[in-house]
Amino acid sequence: MAAEVLGESGYGLLLVGELADRWGVRQGPVPCKTVWAELDPVAVGWPSGQA
């Protein structure tokens, strides 16, 4: 199943939603959109100082 070109979500955002601690979308001038995400480095197992 292909994601719609102008859809609000797709497989990429599905992954972001599953892996990120927080994420969101900031709308810009059409057709721009910025997706941001925050990950907890401890939760994903990165060594201290590697995040």
PDB file of N, CA and C in Angstrom:
ATOM      1  N   MET A   1       0.853  -1.178   0.000  1.00  0.00           N
ATOM      2  CA  MET A   1       0.000   0.000   0.000  1.00  0.00           C
ATOM      3  C   MET A   1       0.898   1.240   0.000  1.00  0.00           C
ATOM      4  N   ALA A   2       0.746   2.093  -0.960  1.00  0.00           N
ATOM      5  CA  ALA A   2       1.570   3.295  -1.077  1.00  0.00           C
ATOM      6  C   ALA A   2       0.962   4.448  -0.278  1.00  0.00           C
ATOM      7  N   ALA A   3       1.829   5.234   0.339  1.00  0.00           N
ATOM      8  CA  ALA A   3       1.365   6.427   1.046  1.00  0.00           C
ATOM      9  C   ALA A   3       0.974   7.482   0.012  1.00  0.00           C
ATOM     10  N   GLU A   4      -0.042   8.249   0.312  1.00  0.00           N
ATOM     11  CA  GLU A   4      -0.465   9.310  -0.598  1.00  0.00           C
ATOM     12  C   GLU A   4       0.575  10.418  -0.620  1.00  0.00           C
ATOM     13  N   VAL A   5       0.794  11.019  -1.766  1.00  0.00           N
ATOM     14  CA  VAL A   5       1.792  12.068  -1.908  1.00  0.00           C
ATOM     15  C   VAL A   5       1.488  13.245  -0.984  1.00  0.00           C
ATOM     16  N   LEU A   6       0.244  13.652  -0.870  1.00  0.00           N
ATOM     17  CA  LEU A   6      -0.118  14.789  -0.030  1.00  0.00           C
ATOM     18  C   LEU A   6      -0.686  14.349   1.319  1.00  0.00           C
ATOM     19  N   GLY A   7      -0.537  13.090   1.661  1.00  0.00           N
ATOM     20  CA  GLY A   7      -1.078  12.569   2.909  1.00  0.00           C
ATOM     21  C   GLY A   7      -0.380  13.166   4.125  1.00  0.00           C
ATOM     22  N   GLU A   8      -1.051  13.132   5.249  1.00  0.00           N
ATOM     23  CA  GLU A   8      -0.511  13.644   6.495  1.00  0.00           C
ATOM     24  C   GLU A   8       0.411  12.636   7.174  1.00  0.00           C
ATOM     25  N   SER A   9       0.424  11.423   6.704  1.00  0.00           N
ATOM     26  CA  SER A   9       1.287  10.414   7.294  1.00  0.00           C
ATOM     27  C   SER A   9       1.721   9.430   6.217  1.00  0.00           C
ATOM     28  N   GLY A  10       2.643   8.604   6.548  1.00  0.00           N
ATOM     29  CA  GLY A  10       3.154   7.580   5.651  1.00  0.00           C
ATOM     30  C   GLY A  10       3.984   6.618   6.462  1.00  0.00           C
ATOM     31  N   TYR A  11       4.700   5.751   5.789  1.00  0.00           N
ATOM     32  CA  TYR A  11       5.497   4.776   6.510  1.00  0.00           C
ATOM     33  C   TYR A  11       6.596   5.446   7.326  1.00  0.00           C
ATOM     34  N   GLY A  12       7.176   6.518   6.816  1.00  0.00           N
ATOM     35  CA  GLY A  12       8.220   7.233   7.555  1.00  0.00           C
ATOM     36  C   GLY A  12       7.702   7.780   8.866  1.00  0.00           C
ATOM     37  N   LEU A  13       6.530   8.402   8.839  1.00  0.00           N
ATOM     38  CA  LEU A  13       5.965   8.940  10.073  1.00  0.00           C
ATOM     39  C   LEU A  13       5.508   7.838  11.012  1.00  0.00           C
ATOM     40  N   LEU A  14       5.142   6.695  10.478  1.00  0.00           N
ATOM     41  CA  LEU A  14       4.821   5.553  11.327  1.00  0.00           C
ATOM     42  C   LEU A  14       6.055   5.154  12.136  1.00  0.00           C
ATOM     43  N   LEU A  15       7.208   5.104  11.480  1.00  0.00           N
ATOM     44  CA  LEU A  15       8.456   4.781  12.183  1.00  0.00           C
ATOM     45  C   LEU A  15       8.823   5.856  13.198  1.00  0.00           C
ATOM     46  N   VAL A  16       8.686   7.115  12.801  1.00  0.00           N
ATOM     47  CA  VAL A  16       8.979   8.215  13.724  1.00  0.00           C
ATOM     48  C   VAL A  16       8.091   8.101  14.954  1.00  0.00           C
ATOM     49  N   GLY A  17       6.809   7.849  14.754  1.00  0.00           N
ATOM     50  CA  GLY A  17       5.877   7.729  15.871  1.00  0.00           C
ATOM     51  C   GLY A  17       6.215   6.583  16.801  1.00  0.00           C
ATOM     52  N   GLU A  18       6.749   5.501  16.270  1.00  0.00           N
ATOM     53  CA  GLU A  18       7.100   4.346  17.088  1.00  0.00           C
ATOM     54  C   GLU A  18       8.422   4.532  17.830  1.00  0.00           C
ATOM     55  N   LEU A  19       9.372   5.223  17.227  1.00  0.00           N
ATOM     56  CA  LEU A  19      10.716   5.316  17.797  1.00  0.00           C
ATOM     57  C   LEU A  19      10.969   6.576  18.623  1.00  0.00           C
ATOM     58  N   ALA A  20      10.280   7.657  18.323  1.00  0.00           N
ATOM     59  CA  ALA A  20      10.543   8.936  18.990  1.00  0.00           C
ATOM     60  C   ALA A  20       9.800   9.031  20.317  1.00  0.00           C
ATOM     61  N   ASP A  21      10.439   9.739  21.260  1.00  0.00           N
ATOM     62  CA  ASP A  21       9.776  10.036  22.527  1.00  0.00           C
ATOM     63  C   ASP A  21       8.743  11.143  22.352  1.00  0.00           C
ATOM     64  N   ARG A  22       9.085  12.098  21.516  1.00  0.00           N
ATOM     65  CA  ARG A  22       8.169  13.194  21.164  1.00  0.00           C
ATOM     66  C   ARG A  22       8.414  13.526  19.711  1.00  0.00           C
ATOM     67  N   TRP A  23       7.368  13.934  19.015  1.00  0.00           N
ATOM     68  CA  TRP A  23       7.526  14.386  17.643  1.00  0.00           C
ATOM     69  C   TRP A  23       6.339  15.248  17.266  1.00  0.00           C
ATOM     70  N   GLY A  24       6.507  16.011  16.214  1.00  0.00           N
ATOM     71  CA  GLY A  24       5.430  16.865  15.748  1.00  0.00           C
ATOM     72  C   GLY A  24       5.706  17.367  14.347  1.00  0.00           C
ATOM     73  N   VAL A  25       4.785  18.171  13.872  1.00  0.00           N
ATOM     74  CA  VAL A  25       4.873  18.726  12.525  1.00  0.00           C
ATOM     75  C   VAL A  25       4.671  20.224  12.618  1.00  0.00           C
ATOM     76  N   ARG A  26       5.517  20.964  11.953  1.00  0.00           N
ATOM     77  CA  ARG A  26       5.380  22.422  11.872  1.00  0.00           C
ATOM     78  C   ARG A  26       5.090  22.763  10.427  1.00  0.00           C
ATOM     79  N   GLN A  27       3.951  23.363  10.188  1.00  0.00           N
ATOM     80  CA  GLN A  27       3.562  23.740   8.829  1.00  0.00           C
ATOM     81  C   GLN A  27       4.314  24.993   8.405  1.00  0.00           C
ATOM     82  N   GLY A  28       4.751  25.008   7.175  1.00  0.00           N
ATOM     83  CA  GLY A  28       5.395  26.181   6.589  1.00  0.00           C
ATOM     84  C   GLY A  28       4.557  26.646   5.416  1.00  0.00           C
ATOM     85  N   PRO A  29       5.098  27.538   4.614  1.00  0.00           N
ATOM     86  CA  PRO A  29       4.357  27.962   3.429  1.00  0.00           C
ATOM     87  C   PRO A  29       4.128  26.740   2.521  1.00  0.00           C
ATOM     88  N   VAL A  30       2.927  26.607   2.012  1.00  0.00           N
ATOM     89  CA  VAL A  30       2.575  25.454   1.177  1.00  0.00           C
ATOM     90  C   VAL A  30       3.557  25.362   0.025  1.00  0.00           C
ATOM     91  N   PRO A  31       4.162  24.223  -0.243  1.00  0.00           N
ATOM     92  CA  PRO A  31       3.881  22.883   0.268  1.00  0.00           C
ATOM     93  C   PRO A  31       4.866  22.424   1.343  1.00  0.00           C
ATOM     94  N   CYS A  32       5.523  23.326   2.050  1.00  0.00           N
ATOM     95  CA  CYS A  32       6.562  22.954   3.012  1.00  0.00           C
ATOM     96  C   CYS A  32       5.991  22.471   4.337  1.00  0.00           C
ATOM     97  N   LYS A  33       6.684  21.504   4.911  1.00  0.00           N
ATOM     98  CA  LYS A  33       6.297  20.957   6.211  1.00  0.00           C
ATOM     99  C   LYS A  33       7.584  20.447   6.855  1.00  0.00           C
ATOM    100  N   THR A  34       7.762  20.720   8.155  1.00  0.00           N
ATOM    101  CA  THR A  34       8.922  20.227   8.890  1.00  0.00           C
ATOM    102  C   THR A  34       8.448  19.240   9.934  1.00  0.00           C
ATOM    103  N   VAL A  35       9.045  18.057   9.931  1.00  0.00           N
ATOM    104  CA  VAL A  35       8.764  17.060  10.953  1.00  0.00           C
ATOM    105  C   VAL A  35       9.957  17.043  11.898  1.00  0.00           C
ATOM    106  N   TRP A  36       9.707  17.168  13.198  1.00  0.00           N
ATOM    107  CA  TRP A  36      10.774  17.134  14.182  1.00  0.00           C
ATOM    108  C   TRP A  36      10.540  15.939  15.108  1.00  0.00           C
ATOM    109  N   ALA A  37      11.617  15.451  15.697  1.00  0.00           N
ATOM    110  CA  ALA A  37      11.526  14.310  16.602  1.00  0.00           C
ATOM    111  C   ALA A  37      12.600  14.406  17.669  1.00  0.00           C
ATOM    112  N   GLU A  38      12.272  13.908  18.858  1.00  0.00           N
ATOM    113  CA  GLU A  38      13.230  13.831  19.953  1.00  0.00           C
ATOM    114  C   GLU A  38      13.350  12.380  20.389  1.00  0.00           C
ATOM    115  N   LEU A  39      14.597  11.933  20.558  1.00  0.00           N
ATOM    116  CA  LEU A  39      14.874  10.585  21.030  1.00  0.00           C
ATOM    117  C   LEU A  39      15.633  10.662  22.344  1.00  0.00           C
ATOM    118  N   ASP A  40      15.326   9.773  23.278  1.00  0.00           N
ATOM    119  CA  ASP A  40      16.058   9.668  24.530  1.00  0.00           C
ATOM    120  C   ASP A  40      17.256   8.756  24.283  1.00  0.00           C
ATOM    121  N   PRO A  41      18.499   9.289  24.309  1.00  0.00           N
ATOM    122  CA  PRO A  41      19.661   8.464  23.988  1.00  0.00           C
ATOM    123  C   PRO A  41      19.837   7.283  24.936  1.00  0.00           C
ATOM    124  N   VAL A  42      19.416   7.415  26.179  1.00  0.00           N
ATOM    125  CA  VAL A  42      19.529   6.307  27.127  1.00  0.00           C
ATOM    126  C   VAL A  42      18.567   5.188  26.730  1.00  0.00           C
ATOM    127  N   ALA A  43      17.362   5.553  26.315  1.00  0.00           N
ATOM    128  CA  ALA A  43      16.348   4.560  25.955  1.00  0.00           C
ATOM    129  C   ALA A  43      16.750   3.757  24.723  1.00  0.00           C
ATOM    130  N   VAL A  44      17.503   4.359  23.803  1.00  0.00           N
ATOM    131  CA  VAL A  44      17.915   3.639  22.598  1.00  0.00           C
ATOM    132  C   VAL A  44      19.261   2.951  22.765  1.00  0.00           C
ATOM    133  N   GLY A  45      19.876   3.092  23.947  1.00  0.00           N
ATOM    134  CA  GLY A  45      21.093   2.368  24.261  1.00  0.00           C
ATOM    135  C   GLY A  45      22.381   2.987  23.781  1.00  0.00           C
ATOM    136  N   TRP A  46      22.385   4.303  23.474  1.00  0.00           N
ATOM    137  CA  TRP A  46      23.646   4.953  23.086  1.00  0.00           C
ATOM    138  C   TRP A  46      24.514   5.124  24.317  1.00  0.00           C
ATOM    139  N   PRO A  47      25.824   4.894  24.193  1.00  0.00           N
ATOM    140  CA  PRO A  47      26.718   5.120  25.323  1.00  0.00           C
ATOM    141  C   PRO A  47      26.743   6.604  25.709  1.00  0.00           C
ATOM    142  N   SER A  48      27.049   6.893  26.942  1.00  0.00           N
ATOM    143  CA  SER A  48      27.113   8.274  27.425  1.00  0.00           C
ATOM    144  C   SER A  48      28.097   9.079  26.576  1.00  0.00           C
ATOM    145  N   GLY A  49      27.703  10.273  26.187  1.00  0.00           N
ATOM    146  CA  GLY A  49      28.551  11.147  25.400  1.00  0.00           C
ATOM    147  C   GLY A  49      28.502  10.887  23.903  1.00  0.00           C
ATOM    148  N   GLN A  50      27.720   9.930  23.453  1.00  0.00           N
ATOM    149  CA  GLN A  50      27.629   9.600  22.039  1.00  0.00           C
ATOM    150  C   GLN A  50      26.378  10.158  21.381  1.00  0.00           C
ATOM    151  N   ALA A  51      25.498  10.774  22.155  1.00  0.00           N
ATOM    152  CA  ALA A  51      24.236  11.256  21.599  1.00  0.00           C
ATOM    153  C   ALA A  51      24.430  12.532  20.835  1.00  0.00           C
TER     154      ALA A  51
END
